[in-house]
């Protein structure tokens, strides 16, 4: 089964977040076809959750997991993480969600343990 292009998925995701009352913005635009997508969820109280792509061997659907075990991290930790990650993968996408409830706006069935 073919995987949907990253740019199409990002556009649909941004609309979903906005429809649900959240604010979403692209912080870094990656490869439109196959760039890895990272989602940072800012609860606007100084804590961020960072979702990264989870290993999915058949690529049948996008799965996510939290980058850091305790889930909530500081803005400085996020900046440091992406500085390193961009050197390894310059084609990645970074989406920022501002949502006081800290909701990822992704169905829980698609968030797995790393």
Protein backbone atom coordinates (compact mmCIF):
# COMPACT_ATOMS: atom_id res chain seq x y z
CA UNK A 1 0.00 0.00 0.00
CA UNK A 2 1.37 3.41 -0.96
CA UNK A 3 1.98 5.96 1.74
CA UNK A 4 0.48 9.42 1.49
CA UNK A 5 2.96 12.21 0.71
CA UNK A 6 4.22 14.16 3.71
CA UNK A 7 3.01 17.53 2.38
CA UNK A 8 -0.55 16.25 1.90
CA UNK A 9 -0.60 14.66 5.37
CA UNK A 10 0.70 17.88 6.96
CA UNK A 11 -1.93 20.02 5.20
CA UNK A 12 -4.73 17.72 6.36
CA UNK A 13 -3.34 17.59 9.90
CA UNK A 14 -3.12 21.39 10.14
CA UNK A 15 -6.77 21.65 9.11
CA UNK A 16 -7.77 19.02 11.67
CA UNK A 17 -6.02 20.86 14.51
CA UNK A 18 -7.57 24.19 13.52
CA UNK A 19 -11.01 22.59 13.17
CA UNK A 20 -10.65 21.26 16.73
CA UNK A 21 -9.79 24.73 18.06
CA UNK A 22 -6.02 24.41 18.28
CA UNK A 23 -3.36 26.51 16.61
CA UNK A 24 -0.95 24.80 14.22
CA UNK A 25 2.03 26.10 12.28
CA UNK A 26 4.84 24.62 10.23
CA UNK A 27 8.17 25.51 11.86
CA UNK A 28 10.27 23.64 9.31
CA UNK A 29 9.13 22.50 5.91
CA UNK A 30 10.69 19.22 4.82
CA UNK A 31 10.69 17.04 1.76
CA UNK A 32 7.18 17.16 0.25
CA UNK A 33 7.17 13.50 -0.71
CA UNK A 34 8.75 11.57 2.14
CA UNK A 35 10.14 13.87 4.83
CA UNK A 36 9.83 12.62 8.39
CA UNK A 37 7.28 14.60 10.40
CA UNK A 38 7.77 15.68 14.02
CA UNK A 39 4.98 17.27 16.05
CA UNK A 40 5.66 19.46 19.06
CA UNK A 41 2.64 20.08 21.28
CA UNK A 42 3.00 23.17 23.45
CA UNK A 43 0.54 23.44 26.36
CA UNK A 44 1.49 27.14 26.65
CA UNK A 45 2.64 26.61 30.24
CA UNK A 46 6.29 25.96 29.50
CA UNK A 47 6.00 22.25 28.71
CA UNK A 48 6.15 20.53 25.35
CA UNK A 49 5.42 17.00 24.18
CA UNK A 50 7.32 15.84 21.13
CA UNK A 51 5.90 13.16 18.84
CA UNK A 52 8.14 11.44 16.34
CA UNK A 53 7.45 8.83 13.68
CA UNK A 54 7.28 5.32 15.13
CA UNK A 55 8.81 2.33 13.38
CA UNK A 56 6.22 0.84 11.04
CA UNK A 57 7.75 -1.85 8.81
CA UNK A 58 4.96 -2.02 6.23
CA UNK A 59 4.29 1.77 6.06
CA UNK A 60 0.56 1.05 5.87
CA UNK A 61 -0.28 3.93 8.22
CA UNK A 62 1.50 6.61 10.17
CA UNK A 63 2.24 5.68 13.76
CA UNK A 64 3.69 8.00 16.41
CA UNK A 65 5.54 7.73 19.70
CA UNK A 66 6.88 10.25 22.21
CA UNK A 67 10.53 11.22 21.70
CA UNK A 68 11.22 11.60 25.43
CA UNK A 69 10.15 9.10 28.07
CA UNK A 70 8.66 11.61 30.53
CA UNK A 71 6.84 13.21 27.56
CA UNK A 72 6.91 16.84 28.74
CA UNK A 73 10.12 18.74 28.07
CA UNK A 74 11.31 22.33 27.98
CA UNK A 75 11.63 24.58 24.90
CA UNK A 76 15.43 24.46 25.28
CA UNK A 77 15.43 20.65 25.10
CA UNK A 78 13.30 20.81 21.94
CA UNK A 79 15.66 23.31 20.29
CA UNK A 80 18.70 21.19 21.15
CA UNK A 81 17.01 18.04 19.85
CA UNK A 82 16.13 19.62 16.50
CA UNK A 83 19.57 21.15 16.02
CA UNK A 84 21.03 17.63 16.14
CA UNK A 85 18.22 16.02 14.18
CA UNK A 86 18.37 18.53 11.29
CA UNK A 87 22.03 17.68 10.75
CA UNK A 88 21.11 14.00 10.35
CA UNK A 89 17.92 14.55 8.36
CA UNK A 90 17.63 17.93 6.63
CA UNK A 91 14.36 16.82 4.96
CA UNK A 92 12.32 16.59 8.18
CA UNK A 93 9.16 18.56 8.94
CA UNK A 94 8.46 20.24 12.29
CA UNK A 95 4.89 21.15 13.18
CA UNK A 96 4.07 23.22 16.26
CA UNK A 97 0.72 22.85 17.99
CA UNK A 98 -0.38 25.30 20.66
CA UNK A 99 -3.14 23.74 22.71
CA UNK A 100 -3.75 24.44 26.42
CA UNK A 101 -5.03 20.89 26.90
CA UNK A 102 -1.87 19.44 25.32
CA UNK A 103 -3.86 17.30 22.88
CA UNK A 104 -1.96 15.88 19.90
CA UNK A 105 -5.09 15.86 17.68
CA UNK A 106 -4.16 12.33 16.58
CA UNK A 107 -6.30 9.31 17.39
CA UNK A 108 -4.80 7.43 20.34
CA UNK A 109 -4.76 4.22 18.27
CA UNK A 110 -1.91 5.74 16.24
CA UNK A 111 0.27 6.66 19.25
CA UNK A 112 2.37 3.69 20.34
CA UNK A 113 5.13 3.05 22.86
CA UNK A 114 8.64 3.40 21.43
